[in-house]
PDB file of N, CA and C in Angstrom:
ATOM      1  N   MET A   1       0.843  -1.186   0.000  1.00  0.00           N
ATOM      2  CA  MET A   1       0.000   0.000   0.000  1.00  0.00           C
ATOM      3  C   MET A   1       0.887   1.247   0.000  1.00  0.00           C
ATOM      4  N   SER A   2       0.576   2.139  -0.862  1.00  0.00           N
ATOM      5  CA  SER A   2       1.304   3.401  -0.943  1.00  0.00           C
ATOM      6  C   SER A   2       0.917   4.312   0.218  1.00  0.00           C
ATOM      7  N   ASP A   3       1.813   5.212   0.568  1.00  0.00           N
ATOM      8  CA  ASP A   3       1.515   6.170   1.627  1.00  0.00           C
ATOM      9  C   ASP A   3       0.398   7.120   1.232  1.00  0.00           C
ATOM     10  N   LEU A   4       0.147   7.285  -0.072  1.00  0.00           N
ATOM     11  CA  LEU A   4      -0.909   8.186  -0.523  1.00  0.00           C
ATOM     12  C   LEU A   4      -2.301   7.590  -0.344  1.00  0.00           C
ATOM     13  N   ASN A   5      -2.390   6.297  -0.021  1.00  0.00           N
ATOM     14  CA  ASN A   5      -3.681   5.667   0.215  1.00  0.00           C
ATOM     15  C   ASN A   5      -4.101   5.778   1.671  1.00  0.00           C
ATOM     16  N   ARG A   6      -3.443   6.608   2.433  1.00  0.00           N
ATOM     17  CA  ARG A   6      -3.762   6.778   3.844  1.00  0.00           C
ATOM     18  C   ARG A   6      -4.279   8.182   4.094  1.00  0.00           C
ATOM     19  N   GLY A   7      -4.714   8.432   5.307  1.00  0.00           N
ATOM     20  CA  GLY A   7      -5.209   9.761   5.656  1.00  0.00           C
ATOM     21  C   GLY A   7      -6.523  10.059   4.966  1.00  0.00           C
ATOM     22  N   ILE A   8      -6.638  11.248   4.361  1.00  0.00           N
ATOM     23  CA  ILE A   8      -7.902  11.630   3.733  1.00  0.00           C
ATOM     24  C   ILE A   8      -8.057  11.009   2.350  1.00  0.00           C
ATOM     25  N   MET A   9      -6.992  10.438   1.806  1.00  0.00           N
ATOM     26  CA  MET A   9      -7.034   9.846   0.466  1.00  0.00           C
ATOM     27  C   MET A   9      -7.303   8.343   0.564  1.00  0.00           C
ATOM     28  N   LYS A  10      -8.357   7.954   1.273  1.00  0.00           N
ATOM     29  CA  LYS A  10      -8.655   6.541   1.497  1.00  0.00           C
ATOM     30  C   LYS A  10      -9.592   6.003   0.418  1.00  0.00           C
ATOM     31  N   PHE A  11      -9.162   5.997  -0.805  1.00  0.00           N
ATOM     32  CA  PHE A  11      -9.938   5.370  -1.859  1.00  0.00           C
ATOM     33  C   PHE A  11      -8.995   4.679  -2.824  1.00  0.00           C
ATOM     34  N   LYS A  12      -9.536   3.743  -3.567  1.00  0.00           N
ATOM     35  CA  LYS A  12      -8.731   2.958  -4.492  1.00  0.00           C
ATOM     36  C   LYS A  12      -8.118   3.864  -5.550  1.00  0.00           C
ATOM     37  N   ASN A  13      -6.871   3.602  -5.900  1.00  0.00           N
ATOM     38  CA  ASN A  13      -6.117   4.350  -6.919  1.00  0.00           C
ATOM     39  C   ASN A  13      -5.852   5.803  -6.521  1.00  0.00           C
ATOM     40  N   ALA A  14      -5.795   6.080  -5.216  1.00  0.00           N
ATOM     41  CA  ALA A  14      -5.510   7.440  -4.765  1.00  0.00           C
ATOM     42  C   ALA A  14      -4.074   7.836  -5.064  1.00  0.00           C
ATOM     43  N   ASP A  15      -3.223   6.854  -5.350  1.00  0.00           N
ATOM     44  CA  ASP A  15      -1.823   7.163  -5.616  1.00  0.00           C
ATOM     45  C   ASP A  15      -1.511   7.284  -7.099  1.00  0.00           C
ATOM     46  N   LYS A  16      -2.550   7.322  -7.940  1.00  0.00           N
ATOM     47  CA  LYS A  16      -2.328   7.528  -9.373  1.00  0.00           C
ATOM     48  C   LYS A  16      -1.827   8.948  -9.606  1.00  0.00           C
ATOM     49  N   PRO A  17      -0.883   9.118 -10.507  1.00  0.00           N
ATOM     50  CA  PRO A  17      -0.350  10.465 -10.764  1.00  0.00           C
ATOM     51  C   PRO A  17      -1.419  11.481 -11.178  1.00  0.00           C
ATOM     52  N   VAL A  18      -2.416  11.046 -11.923  1.00  0.00           N
ATOM     53  CA  VAL A  18      -3.466  11.967 -12.369  1.00  0.00           C
ATOM     54  C   VAL A  18      -4.242  12.506 -11.173  1.00  0.00           C
ATOM     55  N   VAL A  19      -4.551  11.643 -10.225  1.00  0.00           N
ATOM     56  CA  VAL A  19      -5.302  12.059  -9.035  1.00  0.00           C
ATOM     57  C   VAL A  19      -4.452  12.985  -8.168  1.00  0.00           C
ATOM     58  N   VAL A  20      -3.174  12.665  -8.032  1.00  0.00           N
ATOM     59  CA  VAL A  20      -2.277  13.493  -7.223  1.00  0.00           C
ATOM     60  C   VAL A  20      -2.126  14.877  -7.845  1.00  0.00           C
ATOM     61  N   VAL A  21      -1.950  14.948  -9.155  1.00  0.00           N
ATOM     62  CA  VAL A  21      -1.805  16.238  -9.838  1.00  0.00           C
ATOM     63  C   VAL A  21      -3.097  17.042  -9.747  1.00  0.00           C
ATOM     64  N   ALA A  22      -4.231  16.404  -9.931  1.00  0.00           N
ATOM     65  CA  ALA A  22      -5.517  17.107  -9.841  1.00  0.00           C
ATOM     66  C   ALA A  22      -5.731  17.669  -8.443  1.00  0.00           C
ATOM     67  N   SER A  23      -5.395  16.897  -7.428  1.00  0.00           N
ATOM     68  CA  SER A  23      -5.530  17.371  -6.048  1.00  0.00           C
ATOM     69  C   SER A  23      -4.601  18.549  -5.784  1.00  0.00           C
ATOM     70  N   ALA A  24      -3.378  18.464  -6.283  1.00  0.00           N
ATOM     71  CA  ALA A  24      -2.410  19.543  -6.078  1.00  0.00           C
ATOM     72  C   ALA A  24      -2.878  20.819  -6.767  1.00  0.00           C
ATOM     73  N   ILE A  25      -3.397  20.701  -7.981  1.00  0.00           N
ATOM     74  CA  ILE A  25      -3.893  21.875  -8.709  1.00  0.00           C
ATOM     75  C   ILE A  25      -5.074  22.496  -7.970  1.00  0.00           C
ATOM     76  N   LEU A  26      -5.961  21.669  -7.453  1.00  0.00           N
ATOM     77  CA  LEU A  26      -7.115  22.173  -6.717  1.00  0.00           C
ATOM     78  C   LEU A  26      -6.685  22.919  -5.457  1.00  0.00           C
ATOM     79  N   VAL A  27      -5.770  22.344  -4.705  1.00  0.00           N
ATOM     80  CA  VAL A  27      -5.317  22.973  -3.463  1.00  0.00           C
ATOM     81  C   VAL A  27      -4.543  24.257  -3.755  1.00  0.00           C
ATOM     82  N   LEU A  28      -3.585  24.190  -4.668  1.00  0.00           N
ATOM     83  CA  LEU A  28      -2.780  25.375  -4.982  1.00  0.00           C
ATOM     84  C   LEU A  28      -3.618  26.476  -5.630  1.00  0.00           C
ATOM     85  N   GLY A  29      -4.554  26.098  -6.477  1.00  0.00           N
ATOM     86  CA  GLY A  29      -5.446  27.086  -7.092  1.00  0.00           C
ATOM     87  C   GLY A  29      -6.308  27.788  -6.060  1.00  0.00           C
ATOM     88  N   SER A  30      -6.778  27.035  -5.078  1.00  0.00           N
ATOM     89  CA  SER A  30      -7.574  27.628  -4.009  1.00  0.00           C
ATOM     90  C   SER A  30      -6.746  28.610  -3.188  1.00  0.00           C
ATOM     91  N   ILE A  31      -5.512  28.240  -2.893  1.00  0.00           N
ATOM     92  CA  ILE A  31      -4.632  29.118  -2.126  1.00  0.00           C
ATOM     93  C   ILE A  31      -4.358  30.408  -2.899  1.00  0.00           C
ATOM     94  N   VAL A  32      -4.040  30.280  -4.183  1.00  0.00           N
ATOM     95  CA  VAL A  32      -3.776  31.464  -5.013  1.00  0.00           C
ATOM     96  C   VAL A  32      -5.024  32.340  -5.097  1.00  0.00           C
ATOM     97  N   GLY A  33      -6.177  31.715  -5.247  1.00  0.00           N
ATOM     98  CA  GLY A  33      -7.423  32.480  -5.299  1.00  0.00           C
ATOM     99  C   GLY A  33      -7.699  33.236  -4.017  1.00  0.00           C
ATOM    100  N   LEU A  34      -7.461  32.593  -2.886  1.00  0.00           N
ATOM    101  CA  LEU A  34      -7.681  33.261  -1.609  1.00  0.00           C
ATOM    102  C   LEU A  34      -6.698  34.407  -1.385  1.00  0.00           C
ATOM    103  N   ILE A  35      -5.446  34.213  -1.792  1.00  0.00           N
ATOM    104  CA  ILE A  35      -4.458  35.289  -1.665  1.00  0.00           C
ATOM    105  C   ILE A  35      -4.843  36.466  -2.557  1.00  0.00           C
ATOM    106  N   GLY A  36      -5.258  36.182  -3.785  1.00  0.00           N
ATOM    107  CA  GLY A  36      -5.691  37.250  -4.685  1.00  0.00           C
ATOM    108  C   GLY A  36      -6.898  37.988  -4.161  1.00  0.00           C
ATOM    109  N   TRP A  37      -7.871  37.242  -3.624  1.00  0.00           N
ATOM    110  CA  TRP A  37      -9.064  37.870  -3.055  1.00  0.00           C
ATOM    111  C   TRP A  37      -8.688  38.738  -1.855  1.00  0.00           C
ATOM    112  N   ALA A  38      -7.790  38.243  -1.011  1.00  0.00           N
ATOM    113  CA  ALA A  38      -7.369  39.008   0.167  1.00  0.00           C
ATOM    114  C   ALA A  38      -6.652  40.284  -0.231  1.00  0.00           C
ATOM    115  N   LEU A  39      -5.772  40.214  -1.214  1.00  0.00           N
ATOM    116  CA  LEU A  39      -5.060  41.407  -1.675  1.00  0.00           C
ATOM    117  C   LEU A  39      -6.022  42.418  -2.289  1.00  0.00           C
ATOM    118  N   GLN A  40      -6.967  41.918  -3.057  1.00  0.00           N
ATOM    119  CA  GLN A  40      -7.935  42.815  -3.691  1.00  0.00           C
ATOM    120  C   GLN A  40      -8.813  43.479  -2.643  1.00  0.00           C
ATOM    121  N   THR A  41      -9.211  42.734  -1.640  1.00  0.00           N
ATOM    122  CA  THR A  41     -10.063  43.284  -0.597  1.00  0.00           C
ATOM    123  C   THR A  41      -9.306  44.257   0.292  1.00  0.00           C
ATOM    124  N   ALA A  42      -8.082  43.903   0.670  1.00  0.00           N
ATOM    125  CA  ALA A  42      -7.315  44.717   1.604  1.00  0.00           C
ATOM    126  C   ALA A  42      -6.782  45.993   0.963  1.00  0.00           C
ATOM    127  N   TYR A  43      -6.350  45.915  -0.259  1.00  0.00           N
ATOM    128  CA  TYR A  43      -5.674  47.037  -0.901  1.00  0.00           C
ATOM    129  C   TYR A  43      -6.479  47.685  -2.025  1.00  0.00           C
ATOM    130  N   ILE A  44      -7.672  47.211  -2.263  1.00  0.00           N
ATOM    131  CA  ILE A  44      -8.571  47.739  -3.287  1.00  0.00           C
ATOM    132  C   ILE A  44      -7.854  47.820  -4.637  1.00  0.00           C
ATOM    133  N   LEU A  45      -7.303  46.674  -5.062  1.00  0.00           N
ATOM    134  CA  LEU A  45      -6.669  46.603  -6.385  1.00  0.00           C
ATOM    135  C   LEU A  45      -7.752  46.436  -7.435  1.00  0.00           C
ATOM    136  N   ASN A  46      -7.501  46.948  -8.642  1.00  0.00           N
ATOM    137  CA  ASN A  46      -8.487  46.818  -9.710  1.00  0.00           C
ATOM    138  C   ASN A  46      -8.321  45.518 -10.424  1.00  0.00           C
TER     139      ASN A  46
END
């Protein structure tokens, strides 16, 4: 069993590269979106 099949990724084929890349894009995209929203809100950027 791969280490990626543990924790919150408890489903079959959770260690496939496609699933790992999709999860990483989702998490990183969310972080970038939140940072952009925070900067726009705090500094009133256009």
